[in-house]
Amino acid sequence: MDGVTVAQYEGCGVRVVVARGSYDLHSITSLADALDTATREHRKVVLDASGITFADSTLLNLLILTHQATDLRVAAPTQQLRRVLELTGVDAVLTVRATVEEAAAC
């Protein structure tokens, strides 16, 4: 779990969860907890994914589950994450935008 960080803030009228690092089965807990809290407290949640360096099916599952519970938007996904979203078709299910501001506005 070295290098994994999660932060949250209020911005653009939504809860923004900022994820940094590599997310897999062994490192997903902090992000899952943050998204769960944000989901319970806000109707719209934006995941700032600009710092995600690796993502596997564990993260994809978390994103889908969060999307089912609230209006989740993914902002600024890294090239690796964008590729995973596209290859799996999850980008067709989630709202993905280039910036946090765009994700919060849509």
PDB file of N, CA and C in Angstrom:
ATOM      1  N   MET A   1       0.811  -1.199   0.000  1.00  0.00           N
ATOM      2  CA  MET A   1       0.000   0.000   0.000  1.00  0.00           C
ATOM      3  C   MET A   1       0.850   1.257   0.000  1.00  0.00           C
ATOM      4  N   ASP A   2       2.132   1.135  -0.113  1.00  0.00           N
ATOM      5  CA  ASP A   2       2.993   2.301  -0.124  1.00  0.00           C
ATOM      6  C   ASP A   2       2.624   3.223  -1.274  1.00  0.00           C
ATOM      7  N   GLY A   3       2.539   4.509  -0.989  1.00  0.00           N
ATOM      8  CA  GLY A   3       2.260   5.493  -2.008  1.00  0.00           C
ATOM      9  C   GLY A   3       0.789   5.721  -2.306  1.00  0.00           C
ATOM     10  N   VAL A   4      -0.100   5.018  -1.638  1.00  0.00           N
ATOM     11  CA  VAL A   4      -1.529   5.193  -1.859  1.00  0.00           C
ATOM     12  C   VAL A   4      -2.037   6.257  -0.887  1.00  0.00           C
ATOM     13  N   THR A   5      -2.675   7.292  -1.443  1.00  0.00           N
ATOM     14  CA  THR A   5      -3.276   8.321  -0.604  1.00  0.00           C
ATOM     15  C   THR A   5      -4.663   8.654  -1.120  1.00  0.00           C
ATOM     16  N   VAL A   6      -5.513   9.038  -0.180  1.00  0.00           N
ATOM     17  CA  VAL A   6      -6.870   9.446  -0.525  1.00  0.00           C
ATOM     18  C   VAL A   6      -7.182  10.696   0.281  1.00  0.00           C
ATOM     19  N   ALA A   7      -7.712  11.697  -0.388  1.00  0.00           N
ATOM     20  CA  ALA A   7      -8.128  12.931   0.284  1.00  0.00           C
ATOM     21  C   ALA A   7      -9.517  13.279  -0.216  1.00  0.00           C
ATOM     22  N   GLN A   8     -10.216  14.120   0.552  1.00  0.00           N
ATOM     23  CA  GLN A   8     -11.556  14.556   0.166  1.00  0.00           C
ATOM     24  C   GLN A   8     -11.688  16.046   0.414  1.00  0.00           C
ATOM     25  N   TYR A   9     -12.508  16.680  -0.412  1.00  0.00           N
ATOM     26  CA  TYR A   9     -12.838  18.086  -0.184  1.00  0.00           C
ATOM     27  C   TYR A   9     -14.159  18.409  -0.869  1.00  0.00           C
ATOM     28  N   GLU A  10     -14.742  19.518  -0.441  1.00  0.00           N
ATOM     29  CA  GLU A  10     -15.949  20.020  -1.077  1.00  0.00           C
ATOM     30  C   GLU A  10     -15.515  20.979  -2.175  1.00  0.00           C
ATOM     31  N   GLY A  11     -16.070  20.813  -3.356  1.00  0.00           N
ATOM     32  CA  GLY A  11     -15.735  21.711  -4.454  1.00  0.00           C
ATOM     33  C   GLY A  11     -16.800  21.659  -5.521  1.00  0.00           C
ATOM     34  N   CYS A  12     -17.099  22.788  -6.107  1.00  0.00           N
ATOM     35  CA  CYS A  12     -18.071  22.857  -7.196  1.00  0.00           C
ATOM     36  C   CYS A  12     -19.420  22.277  -6.786  1.00  0.00           C
ATOM     37  N   GLY A  13     -19.751  22.328  -5.514  1.00  0.00           N
ATOM     38  CA  GLY A  13     -21.035  21.828  -5.050  1.00  0.00           C
ATOM     39  C   GLY A  13     -21.129  20.324  -4.909  1.00  0.00           C
ATOM     40  N   VAL A  14     -20.000  19.625  -4.947  1.00  0.00           N
ATOM     41  CA  VAL A  14     -19.977  18.167  -4.823  1.00  0.00           C
ATOM     42  C   VAL A  14     -18.861  17.752  -3.868  1.00  0.00           C
ATOM     43  N   ARG A  15     -18.870  16.486  -3.499  1.00  0.00           N
ATOM     44  CA  ARG A  15     -17.743  15.930  -2.747  1.00  0.00           C
ATOM     45  C   ARG A  15     -16.747  15.400  -3.762  1.00  0.00           C
ATOM     46  N   VAL A  16     -15.504  15.820  -3.643  1.00  0.00           N
ATOM     47  CA  VAL A  16     -14.440  15.351  -4.519  1.00  0.00           C
ATOM     48  C   VAL A  16     -13.527  14.431  -3.705  1.00  0.00           C
ATOM     49  N   VAL A  17     -13.326  13.234  -4.211  1.00  0.00           N
ATOM     50  CA  VAL A  17     -12.406  12.278  -3.606  1.00  0.00           C
ATOM     51  C   VAL A  17     -11.190  12.197  -4.521  1.00  0.00           C
ATOM     52  N   VAL A  18     -10.024  12.461  -3.954  1.00  0.00           N
ATOM     53  CA  VAL A  18      -8.784  12.482  -4.727  1.00  0.00           C
ATOM     54  C   VAL A  18      -7.999  11.207  -4.411  1.00  0.00           C
ATOM     55  N   ALA A  19      -7.729  10.417  -5.435  1.00  0.00           N
ATOM     56  CA  ALA A  19      -7.005   9.156  -5.261  1.00  0.00           C
ATOM     57  C   ALA A  19      -5.630   9.257  -5.916  1.00  0.00           C
ATOM     58  N   ARG A  20      -4.619   8.806  -5.196  1.00  0.00           N
ATOM     59  CA  ARG A  20      -3.254   8.797  -5.715  1.00  0.00           C
ATOM     60  C   ARG A  20      -2.645   7.429  -5.461  1.00  0.00           C
ATOM     61  N   GLY A  21      -1.998   6.874  -6.472  1.00  0.00           N
ATOM     62  CA  GLY A  21      -1.287   5.619  -6.284  1.00  0.00           C
ATOM     63  C   GLY A  21      -1.866   4.475  -7.096  1.00  0.00           C
ATOM     64  N   SER A  22      -1.487   3.281  -6.683  1.00  0.00           N
ATOM     65  CA  SER A  22      -1.824   2.041  -7.369  1.00  0.00           C
ATOM     66  C   SER A  22      -2.912   1.318  -6.593  1.00  0.00           C
ATOM     67  N   TYR A  23      -4.026   1.007  -7.274  1.00  0.00           N
ATOM     68  CA  TYR A  23      -5.167   0.393  -6.602  1.00  0.00           C
ATOM     69  C   TYR A  23      -5.437  -1.016  -7.105  1.00  0.00           C
ATOM     70  N   ASP A  24      -5.372  -1.954  -6.158  1.00  0.00           N
ATOM     71  CA  ASP A  24      -5.690  -3.350  -6.415  1.00  0.00           C
ATOM     72  C   ASP A  24      -6.322  -3.926  -5.152  1.00  0.00           C
ATOM     73  N   LEU A  25      -6.467  -5.220  -5.095  1.00  0.00           N
ATOM     74  CA  LEU A  25      -7.121  -5.872  -3.965  1.00  0.00           C
ATOM     75  C   LEU A  25      -6.485  -5.507  -2.623  1.00  0.00           C
ATOM     76  N   HIS A  26      -5.186  -5.290  -2.619  1.00  0.00           N
ATOM     77  CA  HIS A  26      -4.463  -5.045  -1.368  1.00  0.00           C
ATOM     78  C   HIS A  26      -4.433  -3.573  -0.949  1.00  0.00           C
ATOM     79  N   SER A  27      -4.799  -2.692  -1.832  1.00  0.00           N
ATOM     80  CA  SER A  27      -4.677  -1.261  -1.514  1.00  0.00           C
ATOM     81  C   SER A  27      -5.980  -0.484  -1.662  1.00  0.00           C
ATOM     82  N   ILE A  28      -7.072  -1.147  -1.923  1.00  0.00           N
ATOM     83  CA  ILE A  28      -8.327  -0.470  -2.254  1.00  0.00           C
ATOM     84  C   ILE A  28      -9.091   0.046  -1.037  1.00  0.00           C
ATOM     85  N   THR A  29      -8.797  -0.442   0.156  1.00  0.00           N
ATOM     86  CA  THR A  29      -9.618  -0.163   1.332  1.00  0.00           C
ATOM     87  C   THR A  29      -9.792   1.319   1.620  1.00  0.00           C
ATOM     88  N   SER A  30      -8.724   2.092   1.593  1.00  0.00           N
ATOM     89  CA  SER A  30      -8.841   3.519   1.929  1.00  0.00           C
ATOM     90  C   SER A  30      -9.722   4.255   0.924  1.00  0.00           C
ATOM     91  N   LEU A  31      -9.607   3.913  -0.350  1.00  0.00           N
ATOM     92  CA  LEU A  31     -10.441   4.555  -1.365  1.00  0.00           C
ATOM     93  C   LEU A  31     -11.895   4.089  -1.233  1.00  0.00           C
ATOM     94  N   ALA A  32     -12.098   2.812  -0.968  1.00  0.00           N
ATOM     95  CA  ALA A  32     -13.459   2.296  -0.782  1.00  0.00           C
ATOM     96  C   ALA A  32     -14.134   2.980   0.397  1.00  0.00           C
ATOM     97  N   ASP A  33     -13.408   3.151   1.489  1.00  0.00           N
ATOM     98  CA  ASP A  33     -13.962   3.825   2.663  1.00  0.00           C
ATOM     99  C   ASP A  33     -14.324   5.276   2.354  1.00  0.00           C
ATOM    100  N   ALA A  34     -13.445   5.970   1.642  1.00  0.00           N
ATOM    101  CA  ALA A  34     -13.690   7.374   1.305  1.00  0.00           C
ATOM    102  C   ALA A  34     -14.906   7.518   0.387  1.00  0.00           C
ATOM    103  N   LEU A  35     -15.011   6.653  -0.614  1.00  0.00           N
ATOM    104  CA  LEU A  35     -16.155   6.720  -1.525  1.00  0.00           C
ATOM    105  C   LEU A  35     -17.449   6.340  -0.812  1.00  0.00           C
ATOM    106  N   ASP A  36     -17.377   5.389   0.111  1.00  0.00           N
ATOM    107  CA  ASP A  36     -18.564   5.007   0.876  1.00  0.00           C
ATOM    108  C   ASP A  36     -19.064   6.182   1.716  1.00  0.00           C
ATOM    109  N   THR A  37     -18.150   6.845   2.398  1.00  0.00           N
ATOM    110  CA  THR A  37     -18.517   8.013   3.208  1.00  0.00           C
ATOM    111  C   THR A  37     -19.095   9.109   2.332  1.00  0.00           C
ATOM    112  N   ALA A  38     -18.437   9.400   1.220  1.00  0.00           N
ATOM    113  CA  ALA A  38     -18.910  10.448   0.312  1.00  0.00           C
ATOM    114  C   ALA A  38     -20.293  10.114  -0.233  1.00  0.00           C
ATOM    115  N   THR A  39     -20.521   8.852  -0.556  1.00  0.00           N
ATOM    116  CA  THR A  39     -21.798   8.407  -1.097  1.00  0.00           C
ATOM    117  C   THR A  39     -22.932   8.596  -0.099  1.00  0.00           C
ATOM    118  N   ARG A  40     -22.654   8.308   1.154  1.00  0.00           N
ATOM    119  CA  ARG A  40     -23.679   8.450   2.182  1.00  0.00           C
ATOM    120  C   ARG A  40     -24.024   9.910   2.454  1.00  0.00           C
ATOM    121  N   GLU A  41     -23.083  10.822   2.187  1.00  0.00           N
ATOM    122  CA  GLU A  41     -23.273  12.223   2.540  1.00  0.00           C
ATOM    123  C   GLU A  41     -23.621  13.134   1.365  1.00  0.00           C
ATOM    124  N   HIS A  42     -23.438  12.652   0.122  1.00  0.00           N
ATOM    125  CA  HIS A  42     -23.632  13.524  -1.048  1.00  0.00           C
ATOM    126  C   HIS A  42     -24.338  12.791  -2.172  1.00  0.00           C
ATOM    127  N   ARG A  43     -25.158  13.528  -2.897  1.00  0.00           N
ATOM    128  CA  ARG A  43     -25.852  12.952  -4.052  1.00  0.00           C
ATOM    129  C   ARG A  43     -24.939  12.830  -5.268  1.00  0.00           C
ATOM    130  N   LYS A  44     -23.920  13.689  -5.338  1.00  0.00           N
ATOM    131  CA  LYS A  44     -22.981  13.653  -6.466  1.00  0.00           C
ATOM    132  C   LYS A  44     -21.562  13.589  -5.915  1.00  0.00           C
ATOM    133  N   VAL A  45     -20.785  12.628  -6.436  1.00  0.00           N
ATOM    134  CA  VAL A  45     -19.402  12.431  -6.007  1.00  0.00           C
ATOM    135  C   VAL A  45     -18.515  12.426  -7.250  1.00  0.00           C
ATOM    136  N   VAL A  46     -17.407  13.160  -7.163  1.00  0.00           N
ATOM    137  CA  VAL A  46     -16.423  13.181  -8.241  1.00  0.00           C
ATOM    138  C   VAL A  46     -15.151  12.514  -7.745  1.00  0.00           C
ATOM    139  N   LEU A  47     -14.665  11.540  -8.499  1.00  0.00           N
ATOM    140  CA  LEU A  47     -13.377  10.924  -8.206  1.00  0.00           C
ATOM    141  C   LEU A  47     -12.327  11.594  -9.071  1.00  0.00           C
ATOM    142  N   ASP A  48     -11.402  12.302  -8.431  1.00  0.00           N
ATOM    143  CA  ASP A  48     -10.256  12.875  -9.145  1.00  0.00           C
ATOM    144  C   ASP A  48      -9.263  11.739  -9.327  1.00  0.00           C
ATOM    145  N   ALA A  49      -9.216  11.195 -10.533  1.00  0.00           N
ATOM    146  CA  ALA A  49      -8.394  10.019 -10.823  1.00  0.00           C
ATOM    147  C   ALA A  49      -7.074  10.375 -11.485  1.00  0.00           C
ATOM    148  N   SER A  50      -6.697  11.639 -11.433  1.00  0.00           N
ATOM    149  CA  SER A  50      -5.480  12.091 -12.126  1.00  0.00           C
ATOM    150  C   SER A  50      -4.204  11.519 -11.538  1.00  0.00           C
ATOM    151  N   GLY A  51      -4.261  10.995 -10.325  1.00  0.00           N
ATOM    152  CA  GLY A  51      -3.064  10.446  -9.694  1.00  0.00           C
ATOM    153  C   GLY A  51      -3.063   8.934  -9.570  1.00  0.00           C
ATOM    154  N   ILE A  52      -4.009   8.271 -10.214  1.00  0.00           N
ATOM    155  CA  ILE A  52      -4.054   6.807 -10.151  1.00  0.00           C
ATOM    156  C   ILE A  52      -3.050   6.242 -11.145  1.00  0.00           C
ATOM    157  N   THR A  53      -2.045   5.548 -10.609  1.00  0.00           N
ATOM    158  CA  THR A  53      -0.966   5.029 -11.447  1.00  0.00           C
ATOM    159  C   THR A  53      -1.215   3.618 -11.944  1.00  0.00           C
ATOM    160  N   PHE A  54      -2.098   2.885 -11.266  1.00  0.00           N
ATOM    161  CA  PHE A  54      -2.449   1.533 -11.687  1.00  0.00           C
ATOM    162  C   PHE A  54      -3.846   1.206 -11.181  1.00  0.00           C
ATOM    163  N   ALA A  55      -4.605   0.513 -11.997  1.00  0.00           N
ATOM    164  CA  ALA A  55      -5.949   0.088 -11.595  1.00  0.00           C
ATOM    165  C   ALA A  55      -6.229  -1.272 -12.203  1.00  0.00           C
ATOM    166  N   ASP A  56      -6.826  -2.138 -11.394  1.00  0.00           N
ATOM    167  CA  ASP A  56      -7.244  -3.435 -11.918  1.00  0.00           C
ATOM    168  C   ASP A  56      -8.745  -3.594 -11.709  1.00  0.00           C
ATOM    169  N   SER A  57      -9.238  -4.808 -11.832  1.00  0.00           N
ATOM    170  CA  SER A  57     -10.671  -5.046 -11.729  1.00  0.00           C
ATOM    171  C   SER A  57     -11.229  -4.690 -10.355  1.00  0.00           C
ATOM    172  N   THR A  58     -10.394  -4.661  -9.341  1.00  0.00           N
ATOM    173  CA  THR A  58     -10.847  -4.277  -8.008  1.00  0.00           C
ATOM    174  C   THR A  58     -11.354  -2.844  -8.020  1.00  0.00           C
ATOM    175  N   LEU A  59     -10.610  -1.952  -8.655  1.00  0.00           N
ATOM    176  CA  LEU A  59     -11.030  -0.557  -8.752  1.00  0.00           C
ATOM    177  C   LEU A  59     -12.261  -0.435  -9.645  1.00  0.00           C
ATOM    178  N   LEU A  60     -12.282  -1.144 -10.748  1.00  0.00           N
ATOM    179  CA  LEU A  60     -13.447  -1.088 -11.629  1.00  0.00           C
ATOM    180  C   LEU A  60     -14.711  -1.509 -10.891  1.00  0.00           C
ATOM    181  N   ASN A  61     -14.625  -2.578 -10.117  1.00  0.00           N
ATOM    182  CA  ASN A  61     -15.768  -3.038  -9.333  1.00  0.00           C
ATOM    183  C   ASN A  61     -16.214  -1.962  -8.348  1.00  0.00           C
ATOM    184  N   LEU A  62     -15.264  -1.341  -7.669  1.00  0.00           N
ATOM    185  CA  LEU A  62     -15.590  -0.273  -6.721  1.00  0.00           C
ATOM    186  C   LEU A  62     -16.288   0.890  -7.425  1.00  0.00           C
ATOM    187  N   LEU A  63     -15.812   1.265  -8.589  1.00  0.00           N
ATOM    188  CA  LEU A  63     -16.424   2.371  -9.327  1.00  0.00           C
ATOM    189  C   LEU A  63     -17.856   2.038  -9.734  1.00  0.00           C
ATOM    190  N   ILE A  64     -18.078   0.825 -10.188  1.00  0.00           N
ATOM    191  CA  ILE A  64     -19.427   0.424 -10.593  1.00  0.00           C
ATOM    192  C   ILE A  64     -20.366   0.399  -9.387  1.00  0.00           C
ATOM    193  N   LEU A  65     -19.916  -0.167  -8.280  1.00  0.00           N
ATOM    194  CA  LEU A  65     -20.743  -0.208  -7.073  1.00  0.00           C
ATOM    195  C   LEU A  65     -21.060   1.199  -6.574  1.00  0.00           C
ATOM    196  N   THR A  66     -20.077   2.083  -6.612  1.00  0.00           N
ATOM    197  CA  THR A  66     -20.289   3.465  -6.180  1.00  0.00           C
ATOM    198  C   THR A  66     -21.269   4.160  -7.115  1.00  0.00           C
ATOM    199  N   HIS A  67     -21.136   3.924  -8.403  1.00  0.00           N
ATOM    200  CA  HIS A  67     -22.039   4.495  -9.403  1.00  0.00           C
ATOM    201  C   HIS A  67     -23.485   4.059  -9.150  1.00  0.00           C
ATOM    202  N   GLN A  68     -23.673   2.833  -8.694  1.00  0.00           N
ATOM    203  CA  GLN A  68     -25.011   2.328  -8.410  1.00  0.00           C
ATOM    204  C   GLN A  68     -25.618   3.004  -7.178  1.00  0.00           C
ATOM    205  N   ALA A  69     -24.752   3.494  -6.286  1.00  0.00           N
ATOM    206  CA  ALA A  69     -25.220   4.096  -5.034  1.00  0.00           C
ATOM    207  C   ALA A  69     -25.393   5.608  -5.103  1.00  0.00           C
ATOM    208  N   THR A  70     -24.707   6.256  -6.034  1.00  0.00           N
ATOM    209  CA  THR A  70     -24.754   7.718  -6.139  1.00  0.00           C
ATOM    210  C   THR A  70     -24.425   8.140  -7.556  1.00  0.00           C
ATOM    211  N   ASP A  71     -24.481   9.425  -7.800  1.00  0.00           N
ATOM    212  CA  ASP A  71     -24.109   9.985  -9.104  1.00  0.00           C
ATOM    213  C   ASP A  71     -22.596  10.174  -9.104  1.00  0.00           C
ATOM    214  N   LEU A  72     -21.861   9.140  -9.524  1.00  0.00           N
ATOM    215  CA  LEU A  72     -20.397   9.167  -9.540  1.00  0.00           C
ATOM    216  C   LEU A  72     -19.897   9.664 -10.881  1.00  0.00           C
ATOM    217  N   ARG A  73     -18.934  10.572 -10.817  1.00  0.00           N
ATOM    218  CA  ARG A  73     -18.254  11.045 -12.022  1.00  0.00           C
ATOM    219  C   ARG A  73     -16.763  10.821 -11.827  1.00  0.00           C
ATOM    220  N   VAL A  74     -16.072  10.401 -12.867  1.00  0.00           N
ATOM    221  CA  VAL A  74     -14.629  10.178 -12.831  1.00  0.00           C
ATOM    222  C   VAL A  74     -13.967  11.314 -13.597  1.00  0.00           C
ATOM    223  N   ALA A  75     -13.064  12.013 -12.930  1.00  0.00           N
ATOM    224  CA  ALA A  75     -12.408  13.172 -13.536  1.00  0.00           C
ATOM    225  C   ALA A  75     -10.926  12.897 -13.784  1.00  0.00           C
ATOM    226  N   ALA A  76     -10.462  13.323 -14.930  1.00  0.00           N
ATOM    227  CA  ALA A  76      -9.051  13.325 -15.298  1.00  0.00           C
ATOM    228  C   ALA A  76      -8.363  11.978 -15.119  1.00  0.00           C
ATOM    229  N   PRO A  77      -8.959  10.890 -15.627  1.00  0.00           N
ATOM    230  CA  PRO A  77      -8.293   9.593 -15.463  1.00  0.00           C
ATOM    231  C   PRO A  77      -6.958   9.570 -16.203  1.00  0.00           C
ATOM    232  N   THR A  78      -5.998   8.911 -15.607  1.00  0.00           N
ATOM    233  CA  THR A  78      -4.701   8.753 -16.250  1.00  0.00           C
ATOM    234  C   THR A  78      -4.867   7.899 -17.503  1.00  0.00           C
ATOM    235  N   GLN A  79      -3.860   7.886 -18.334  1.00  0.00           N
ATOM    236  CA  GLN A  79      -3.930   7.109 -19.570  1.00  0.00           C
ATOM    237  C   GLN A  79      -4.169   5.633 -19.272  1.00  0.00           C
ATOM    238  N   GLN A  80      -3.504   5.082 -18.253  1.00  0.00           N
ATOM    239  CA  GLN A  80      -3.675   3.670 -17.906  1.00  0.00           C
ATOM    240  C   GLN A  80      -5.109   3.392 -17.474  1.00  0.00           C
ATOM    241  N   LEU A  81      -5.649   4.235 -16.616  1.00  0.00           N
ATOM    242  CA  LEU A  81      -7.013   4.031 -16.153  1.00  0.00           C
ATOM    243  C   LEU A  81      -8.016   4.218 -17.290  1.00  0.00           C
ATOM    244  N   ARG A  82      -7.817   5.230 -18.106  1.00  0.00           N
ATOM    245  CA  ARG A  82      -8.717   5.445 -19.240  1.00  0.00           C
ATOM    246  C   ARG A  82      -8.729   4.215 -20.152  1.00  0.00           C
ATOM    247  N   ARG A  83      -7.569   3.631 -20.373  1.00  0.00           N
ATOM    248  CA  ARG A  83      -7.468   2.436 -21.223  1.00  0.00           C
ATOM    249  C   ARG A  83      -8.247   1.271 -20.621  1.00  0.00           C
ATOM    250  N   VAL A  84      -8.114   1.064 -19.314  1.00  0.00           N
ATOM    251  CA  VAL A  84      -8.841  -0.008 -18.634  1.00  0.00           C
ATOM    252  C   VAL A  84     -10.348   0.238 -18.732  1.00  0.00           C
ATOM    253  N   LEU A  85     -10.763   1.481 -18.524  1.00  0.00           N
ATOM    254  CA  LEU A  85     -12.184   1.815 -18.627  1.00  0.00           C
ATOM    255  C   LEU A  85     -12.716   1.531 -20.032  1.00  0.00           C
ATOM    256  N   GLU A  86     -11.934   1.883 -21.047  1.00  0.00           N
ATOM    257  CA  GLU A  86     -12.348   1.667 -22.428  1.00  0.00           C
ATOM    258  C   GLU A  86     -12.383   0.184 -22.792  1.00  0.00           C
ATOM    259  N   LEU A  87     -11.335  -0.557 -22.409  1.00  0.00           N
ATOM    260  CA  LEU A  87     -11.258  -1.977 -22.752  1.00  0.00           C
ATOM    261  C   LEU A  87     -12.387  -2.785 -22.130  1.00  0.00           C
ATOM    262  N   THR A  88     -12.819  -2.395 -20.956  1.00  0.00           N
ATOM    263  CA  THR A  88     -13.863  -3.137 -20.249  1.00  0.00           C
ATOM    264  C   THR A  88     -15.264  -2.612 -20.533  1.00  0.00           C
ATOM    265  N   GLY A  89     -15.362  -1.467 -21.195  1.00  0.00           N
ATOM    266  CA  GLY A  89     -16.660  -0.872 -21.483  1.00  0.00           C
ATOM    267  C   GLY A  89     -17.244  -0.083 -20.325  1.00  0.00           C
ATOM    268  N   VAL A  90     -16.502   0.035 -19.243  1.00  0.00           N
ATOM    269  CA  VAL A  90     -16.993   0.768 -18.081  1.00  0.00           C
ATOM    270  C   VAL A  90     -17.116   2.263 -18.389  1.00  0.00           C
ATOM    271  N   ASP A  91     -16.353   2.753 -19.347  1.00  0.00           N
ATOM    272  CA  ASP A  91     -16.459   4.164 -19.722  1.00  0.00           C
ATOM    273  C   ASP A  91     -17.832   4.491 -20.304  1.00  0.00           C
ATOM    274  N   ALA A  92     -18.550   3.481 -20.799  1.00  0.00           N
ATOM    275  CA  ALA A  92     -19.899   3.699 -21.321  1.00  0.00           C
ATOM    276  C   ALA A  92     -20.933   3.775 -20.197  1.00  0.00           C
ATOM    277  N   VAL A  93     -20.578   3.288 -19.029  1.00  0.00           N
ATOM    278  CA  VAL A  93     -21.481   3.277 -17.878  1.00  0.00           C
ATOM    279  C   VAL A  93     -21.259   4.506 -16.997  1.00  0.00           C
ATOM    280  N   LEU A  94     -19.994   4.865 -16.799  1.00  0.00           N
ATOM    281  CA  LEU A  94     -19.645   5.984 -15.927  1.00  0.00           C
ATOM    282  C   LEU A  94     -19.568   7.292 -16.708  1.00  0.00           C
ATOM    283  N   THR A  95     -19.756   8.390 -15.993  1.00  0.00           N
ATOM    284  CA  THR A  95     -19.524   9.706 -16.568  1.00  0.00           C
ATOM    285  C   THR A  95     -18.050  10.025 -16.360  1.00  0.00           C
ATOM    286  N   VAL A  96     -17.310  10.166 -17.451  1.00  0.00           N
ATOM    287  CA  VAL A  96     -15.877  10.428 -17.394  1.00  0.00           C
ATOM    288  C   VAL A  96     -15.625  11.776 -18.063  1.00  0.00           C
ATOM    289  N   ARG A  97     -14.926  12.662 -17.362  1.00  0.00           N
ATOM    290  CA  ARG A  97     -14.641  13.992 -17.883  1.00  0.00           C
ATOM    291  C   ARG A  97     -13.155  14.323 -17.702  1.00  0.00           C
ATOM    292  N   ALA A  98     -12.692  15.329 -18.432  1.00  0.00           N
ATOM    293  CA  ALA A  98     -11.271  15.689 -18.440  1.00  0.00           C
ATOM    294  C   ALA A  98     -10.813  16.387 -17.169  1.00  0.00           C
ATOM    295  N   THR A  99     -11.717  17.102 -16.497  1.00  0.00           N
ATOM    296  CA  THR A  99     -11.325  17.846 -15.298  1.00  0.00           C
ATOM    297  C   THR A  99     -12.366  17.656 -14.197  1.00  0.00           C
ATOM    298  N   VAL A 100     -11.962  17.984 -12.982  1.00  0.00           N
ATOM    299  CA  VAL A 100     -12.879  17.940 -11.849  1.00  0.00           C
ATOM    300  C   VAL A 100     -14.023  18.922 -12.079  1.00  0.00           C
ATOM    301  N   GLU A 101     -13.707  20.100 -12.577  1.00  0.00           N
ATOM    302  CA  GLU A 101     -14.732  21.116 -12.807  1.00  0.00           C
ATOM    303  C   GLU A 101     -15.771  20.640 -13.811  1.00  0.00           C
ATOM    304  N   GLU A 102     -15.322  20.006 -14.900  1.00  0.00           N
ATOM    305  CA  GLU A 102     -16.253  19.483 -15.909  1.00  0.00           C
ATOM    306  C   GLU A 102     -17.105  18.354 -15.325  1.00  0.00           C
ATOM    307  N   ALA A 103     -16.497  17.493 -14.537  1.00  0.00           N
ATOM    308  CA  ALA A 103     -17.232  16.389 -13.939  1.00  0.00           C
ATOM    309  C   ALA A 103     -18.278  16.894 -12.951  1.00  0.00           C
ATOM    310  N   ALA A 104     -17.946  17.913 -12.193  1.00  0.00           N
ATOM    311  CA  ALA A 104     -18.874  18.466 -11.202  1.00  0.00           C
ATOM    312  C   ALA A 104     -20.025  19.188 -11.882  1.00  0.00           C
ATOM    313  N   ALA A 105     -19.771  19.775 -13.044  1.00  0.00           N
ATOM    314  CA  ALA A 105     -20.775  20.587 -13.723  1.00  0.00           C
ATOM    315  C   ALA A 105     -21.812  19.766 -14.488  1.00  0.00           C
ATOM    316  N   CYS A 106     -21.426  18.601 -14.955  1.00  0.00           N
ATOM    317  CA  CYS A 106     -22.348  17.856 -15.830  1.00  0.00           C
ATOM    318  C   CYS A 106     -23.445  17.153 -15.066  1.00  0.00           C
TER     319      CYS A 106
END
